């Protein structure tokens, strides 16, 4: 995250995080390259790789709610992305059907 003289200011474009969300967001950013992709797009995270990354950084997560909580938060973020992808595909399909009529 960007900071102004070490302190976040109103001008910073990064969203403000609740303290309890920090561990989950940090964990997701660490595993965000571990998506499995199928013909229809993202299918989910590679949990083996994600868990390995989180385990390797266990000390960081200890003070942020623990590795288990970090992984649970990653799963919540993953499901939100998958739901958004599904919704976007449905909208694109509906738009295509409307354009074909």
N, C-alpha and C. Protein backbone atom coordinates (compact mmCIF):
# COMPACT_ATOMS: atom_id res chain seq x y z
N UNK A 1 0.83 -1.17 0.00
CA UNK A 1 0.00 0.00 0.00
C UNK A 1 0.88 1.24 0.00
N UNK A 2 0.39 2.26 -0.66
CA UNK A 2 1.13 3.51 -0.67
C UNK A 2 0.91 4.24 0.65
N UNK A 3 1.89 5.00 1.01
CA UNK A 3 1.78 5.78 2.24
C UNK A 3 2.44 7.13 2.03
N UNK A 4 1.93 8.12 2.70
CA UNK A 4 2.50 9.47 2.65
C UNK A 4 3.29 9.67 3.94
N UNK A 5 4.58 9.73 3.82
CA UNK A 5 5.46 9.90 4.98
C UNK A 5 5.19 8.82 6.03
N UNK A 6 4.86 7.61 5.56
CA UNK A 6 4.65 6.50 6.48
C UNK A 6 3.26 6.43 7.08
N UNK A 7 2.40 7.41 6.76
CA UNK A 7 1.03 7.44 7.28
C UNK A 7 0.08 7.53 6.10
N UNK A 8 -0.97 6.73 6.11
CA UNK A 8 -1.94 6.76 5.01
C UNK A 8 -2.69 8.09 5.05
N UNK A 9 -2.97 8.62 3.88
CA UNK A 9 -3.73 9.86 3.80
C UNK A 9 -4.94 9.68 2.90
N UNK A 10 -5.81 10.67 2.87
CA UNK A 10 -7.04 10.62 2.07
C UNK A 10 -6.74 10.50 0.57
N UNK A 11 -5.59 10.99 0.12
CA UNK A 11 -5.25 11.00 -1.30
C UNK A 11 -4.80 9.62 -1.82
N UNK A 12 -4.48 8.68 -0.92
CA UNK A 12 -4.00 7.37 -1.35
C UNK A 12 -5.14 6.61 -2.03
N UNK A 13 -4.86 6.03 -3.22
CA UNK A 13 -5.92 5.34 -3.97
C UNK A 13 -6.28 3.96 -3.39
N UNK A 14 -5.43 3.39 -2.59
CA UNK A 14 -5.70 2.06 -2.04
C UNK A 14 -6.86 2.14 -1.05
N UNK A 15 -7.73 1.12 -1.06
CA UNK A 15 -8.86 1.15 -0.11
C UNK A 15 -8.37 1.02 1.33
N UNK A 16 -9.13 1.59 2.23
CA UNK A 16 -8.83 1.45 3.65
C UNK A 16 -9.30 0.07 4.08
N UNK A 17 -8.46 -0.68 4.76
CA UNK A 17 -8.81 -2.02 5.23
C UNK A 17 -9.11 -1.99 6.72
N UNK A 18 -10.11 -2.75 7.08
CA UNK A 18 -10.34 -2.95 8.51
C UNK A 18 -9.18 -3.78 9.03
N UNK A 19 -8.73 -3.53 10.26
CA UNK A 19 -7.60 -4.29 10.80
C UNK A 19 -7.80 -5.80 10.73
N UNK A 20 -9.02 -6.27 10.96
CA UNK A 20 -9.26 -7.72 10.95
C UNK A 20 -9.22 -8.32 9.54
N UNK A 21 -9.22 -7.48 8.51
CA UNK A 21 -9.17 -7.98 7.13
C UNK A 21 -7.74 -8.05 6.60
N UNK A 22 -6.81 -7.48 7.31
CA UNK A 22 -5.44 -7.38 6.82
C UNK A 22 -4.82 -8.74 6.50
N UNK A 23 -4.96 -9.71 7.39
CA UNK A 23 -4.37 -11.03 7.16
C UNK A 23 -4.93 -11.72 5.94
N UNK A 24 -6.24 -11.66 5.76
CA UNK A 24 -6.88 -12.30 4.61
C UNK A 24 -6.48 -11.65 3.30
N UNK A 25 -6.43 -10.33 3.28
CA UNK A 25 -6.05 -9.63 2.05
C UNK A 25 -4.58 -9.90 1.73
N UNK A 26 -3.73 -9.86 2.74
CA UNK A 26 -2.31 -10.18 2.53
C UNK A 26 -2.16 -11.60 1.98
N UNK A 27 -2.88 -12.54 2.56
CA UNK A 27 -2.80 -13.94 2.09
C UNK A 27 -3.28 -14.04 0.66
N UNK A 28 -4.41 -13.38 0.33
CA UNK A 28 -4.91 -13.45 -1.05
C UNK A 28 -3.89 -12.86 -2.01
N UNK A 29 -3.30 -11.73 -1.68
CA UNK A 29 -2.31 -11.12 -2.57
C UNK A 29 -1.12 -12.05 -2.80
N UNK A 30 -0.79 -12.85 -1.78
CA UNK A 30 0.32 -13.80 -1.92
C UNK A 30 -0.02 -14.98 -2.83
N UNK A 31 -1.31 -15.34 -2.89
CA UNK A 31 -1.70 -16.54 -3.66
C UNK A 31 -2.49 -16.19 -4.92
N UNK A 32 -2.61 -14.93 -5.23
CA UNK A 32 -3.46 -14.49 -6.35
C UNK A 32 -3.01 -15.02 -7.71
N UNK A 33 -1.79 -15.53 -7.80
CA UNK A 33 -1.32 -16.10 -9.07
C UNK A 33 -1.63 -17.59 -9.18
N UNK A 34 -2.33 -18.15 -8.20
CA UNK A 34 -2.55 -19.59 -8.15
C UNK A 34 -3.94 -20.01 -8.65
N UNK A 35 -4.56 -19.19 -9.50
CA UNK A 35 -5.87 -19.55 -10.04
C UNK A 35 -5.74 -20.69 -11.03
N UNK A 36 -6.69 -21.61 -10.97
CA UNK A 36 -6.82 -22.64 -12.00
C UNK A 36 -7.80 -22.09 -13.03
N UNK A 37 -7.47 -22.28 -14.28
CA UNK A 37 -8.27 -21.73 -15.37
C UNK A 37 -8.77 -22.88 -16.25
N UNK A 38 -10.07 -22.84 -16.56
CA UNK A 38 -10.67 -23.83 -17.46
C UNK A 38 -11.18 -23.13 -18.71
N UNK A 39 -11.95 -23.85 -19.51
CA UNK A 39 -12.49 -23.29 -20.75
C UNK A 39 -13.40 -22.08 -20.48
N UNK A 40 -14.09 -22.07 -19.36
CA UNK A 40 -15.00 -20.98 -19.05
C UNK A 40 -14.38 -19.89 -18.19
N UNK A 41 -13.10 -19.97 -17.94
CA UNK A 41 -12.43 -18.97 -17.10
C UNK A 41 -11.93 -19.59 -15.80
N UNK A 42 -11.87 -18.78 -14.77
CA UNK A 42 -11.36 -19.25 -13.47
C UNK A 42 -12.27 -20.33 -12.91
N UNK A 43 -11.65 -21.36 -12.34
CA UNK A 43 -12.43 -22.43 -11.70
C UNK A 43 -12.19 -22.49 -10.21
N UNK A 44 -11.16 -21.85 -9.72
CA UNK A 44 -10.84 -21.86 -8.30
C UNK A 44 -9.35 -21.78 -8.10
N UNK A 45 -8.97 -21.56 -6.88
CA UNK A 45 -7.54 -21.50 -6.56
C UNK A 45 -6.96 -22.90 -6.42
N UNK A 46 -5.69 -23.03 -6.72
CA UNK A 46 -4.95 -24.26 -6.49
C UNK A 46 -4.63 -24.29 -4.99
N UNK A 47 -5.41 -25.06 -4.24
CA UNK A 47 -5.28 -25.05 -2.79
C UNK A 47 -3.94 -25.60 -2.32
N UNK A 48 -3.38 -26.55 -3.03
CA UNK A 48 -2.07 -27.08 -2.62
C UNK A 48 -1.03 -25.97 -2.63
N UNK A 49 -1.01 -25.20 -3.70
CA UNK A 49 -0.05 -24.11 -3.81
C UNK A 49 -0.38 -23.00 -2.81
N UNK A 50 -1.67 -22.66 -2.69
CA UNK A 50 -2.07 -21.59 -1.78
C UNK A 50 -1.70 -21.93 -0.34
N UNK A 51 -1.99 -23.16 0.06
CA UNK A 51 -1.66 -23.57 1.42
C UNK A 51 -0.15 -23.57 1.66
N UNK A 52 0.62 -23.95 0.64
CA UNK A 52 2.08 -23.95 0.78
C UNK A 52 2.59 -22.52 0.99
N UNK A 53 2.05 -21.57 0.25
CA UNK A 53 2.46 -20.17 0.39
C UNK A 53 2.10 -19.65 1.78
N UNK A 54 0.88 -19.94 2.21
CA UNK A 54 0.45 -19.47 3.54
C UNK A 54 1.28 -20.13 4.63
N UNK A 55 1.54 -21.42 4.49
CA UNK A 55 2.34 -22.13 5.49
C UNK A 55 3.76 -21.56 5.56
N UNK A 56 4.32 -21.24 4.40
CA UNK A 56 5.67 -20.68 4.35
C UNK A 56 5.73 -19.32 5.05
N UNK A 57 4.61 -18.65 5.13
CA UNK A 57 4.55 -17.33 5.75
C UNK A 57 3.79 -17.35 7.07
N UNK A 58 3.75 -18.51 7.70
CA UNK A 58 2.99 -18.71 8.94
C UNK A 58 3.32 -17.67 10.01
N UNK A 59 4.57 -17.28 10.13
CA UNK A 59 4.97 -16.31 11.16
C UNK A 59 4.27 -14.97 10.95
N UNK A 60 4.13 -14.54 9.69
CA UNK A 60 3.43 -13.28 9.40
C UNK A 60 1.98 -13.36 9.84
N UNK A 61 1.36 -14.50 9.57
CA UNK A 61 -0.07 -14.64 9.86
C UNK A 61 -0.36 -14.87 11.34
N UNK A 62 0.65 -15.28 12.08
CA UNK A 62 0.47 -15.52 13.52
C UNK A 62 -0.05 -14.26 14.20
N UNK A 63 0.51 -13.12 13.83
CA UNK A 63 0.09 -11.87 14.47
C UNK A 63 -1.12 -11.24 13.78
N UNK A 64 -1.58 -11.85 12.69
CA UNK A 64 -2.72 -11.31 11.94
C UNK A 64 -3.94 -12.24 12.01
N UNK A 65 -4.03 -13.04 13.03
CA UNK A 65 -5.20 -13.90 13.19
C UNK A 65 -4.95 -15.37 12.91
N UNK A 66 -3.77 -15.71 12.45
CA UNK A 66 -3.41 -17.09 12.23
C UNK A 66 -3.56 -17.54 10.79
N UNK A 67 -2.82 -18.60 10.45
CA UNK A 67 -2.81 -19.13 9.08
C UNK A 67 -4.16 -19.72 8.70
N UNK A 68 -4.84 -20.37 9.63
CA UNK A 68 -6.16 -20.95 9.32
C UNK A 68 -7.15 -19.87 8.95
N UNK A 69 -7.15 -18.79 9.71
CA UNK A 69 -8.06 -17.68 9.41
C UNK A 69 -7.69 -17.04 8.08
N UNK A 70 -6.41 -16.92 7.81
CA UNK A 70 -5.96 -16.33 6.54
C UNK A 70 -6.48 -17.17 5.37
N UNK A 71 -6.38 -18.50 5.49
CA UNK A 71 -6.85 -19.36 4.40
C UNK A 71 -8.37 -19.28 4.27
N UNK A 72 -9.08 -19.24 5.39
CA UNK A 72 -10.54 -19.09 5.34
C UNK A 72 -10.92 -17.78 4.65
N UNK A 73 -10.18 -16.73 4.93
CA UNK A 73 -10.43 -15.44 4.28
C UNK A 73 -10.14 -15.52 2.78
N UNK A 74 -9.08 -16.23 2.41
CA UNK A 74 -8.76 -16.42 0.99
C UNK A 74 -9.90 -17.14 0.30
N UNK A 75 -10.47 -18.15 0.95
CA UNK A 75 -11.60 -18.86 0.35
C UNK A 75 -12.81 -17.95 0.17
N UNK A 76 -13.04 -17.06 1.11
CA UNK A 76 -14.14 -16.10 0.99
C UNK A 76 -13.92 -15.18 -0.20
N UNK A 77 -12.70 -14.70 -0.36
CA UNK A 77 -12.36 -13.84 -1.50
C UNK A 77 -12.49 -14.63 -2.80
N UNK A 78 -12.02 -15.87 -2.79
CA UNK A 78 -12.12 -16.74 -3.98
C UNK A 78 -13.58 -16.89 -4.40
N UNK A 79 -14.46 -17.18 -3.46
CA UNK A 79 -15.88 -17.37 -3.79
C UNK A 79 -16.49 -16.08 -4.34
N UNK A 80 -16.07 -14.93 -3.81
CA UNK A 80 -16.58 -13.66 -4.31
C UNK A 80 -16.15 -13.44 -5.77
N UNK A 81 -14.90 -13.78 -6.09
CA UNK A 81 -14.43 -13.66 -7.46
C UNK A 81 -15.20 -14.61 -8.38
N UNK A 82 -15.38 -15.85 -7.95
CA UNK A 82 -16.09 -16.82 -8.78
C UNK A 82 -17.54 -16.41 -9.00
N UNK A 83 -18.20 -15.89 -7.96
CA UNK A 83 -19.57 -15.39 -8.11
C UNK A 83 -19.62 -14.22 -9.09
N UNK A 84 -18.67 -13.30 -8.97
CA UNK A 84 -18.63 -12.15 -9.88
C UNK A 84 -18.38 -12.61 -11.32
N UNK A 85 -17.50 -13.59 -11.50
CA UNK A 85 -17.24 -14.13 -12.84
C UNK A 85 -18.51 -14.73 -13.43
N UNK A 86 -19.22 -15.49 -12.62
CA UNK A 86 -20.45 -16.14 -13.07
C UNK A 86 -21.50 -15.10 -13.45
N UNK A 87 -21.64 -14.09 -12.62
CA UNK A 87 -22.59 -13.02 -12.90
C UNK A 87 -22.23 -12.29 -14.19
N UNK A 88 -20.95 -12.01 -14.40
CA UNK A 88 -20.49 -11.35 -15.61
C UNK A 88 -20.78 -12.20 -16.85
N UNK A 89 -20.53 -13.52 -16.75
CA UNK A 89 -20.82 -14.41 -17.89
C UNK A 89 -22.30 -14.42 -18.21
N UNK A 90 -23.16 -14.44 -17.19
CA UNK A 90 -24.60 -14.42 -17.41
C UNK A 90 -25.03 -13.12 -18.09
N UNK A 91 -24.47 -12.00 -17.67
CA UNK A 91 -24.80 -10.71 -18.28
C UNK A 91 -24.34 -10.67 -19.74
N UNK A 92 -23.15 -11.19 -19.99
CA UNK A 92 -22.64 -11.21 -21.37
C UNK A 92 -23.50 -12.11 -22.25
N UNK A 93 -23.93 -13.23 -21.70
CA UNK A 93 -24.79 -14.16 -22.45
C UNK A 93 -26.13 -13.50 -22.76
N UNK A 94 -26.72 -12.82 -21.76
CA UNK A 94 -28.00 -12.15 -21.96
C UNK A 94 -27.86 -11.03 -22.99
N UNK A 95 -26.76 -10.31 -22.93
CA UNK A 95 -26.52 -9.23 -23.91
C UNK A 95 -26.37 -9.80 -25.31
N UNK A 96 -25.71 -10.93 -25.43
CA UNK A 96 -25.51 -11.57 -26.74
C UNK A 96 -26.84 -12.05 -27.29
N UNK A 97 -27.68 -12.64 -26.44
CA UNK A 97 -28.99 -13.11 -26.87
C UNK A 97 -29.84 -11.92 -27.33
N UNK A 98 -29.78 -10.82 -26.57
CA UNK A 98 -30.52 -9.61 -26.95
C UNK A 98 -30.03 -9.03 -28.27
N UNK A 99 -28.75 -9.12 -28.52
CA UNK A 99 -28.18 -8.59 -29.76
C UNK A 99 -28.56 -9.46 -30.96
N UNK A 100 -28.76 -10.76 -30.72
CA UNK A 100 -29.10 -11.69 -31.79
C UNK A 100 -30.57 -11.60 -32.20
N UNK A 101 -31.41 -11.02 -31.34
CA UNK A 101 -32.85 -10.96 -31.65
C UNK A 101 -33.21 -9.82 -32.53
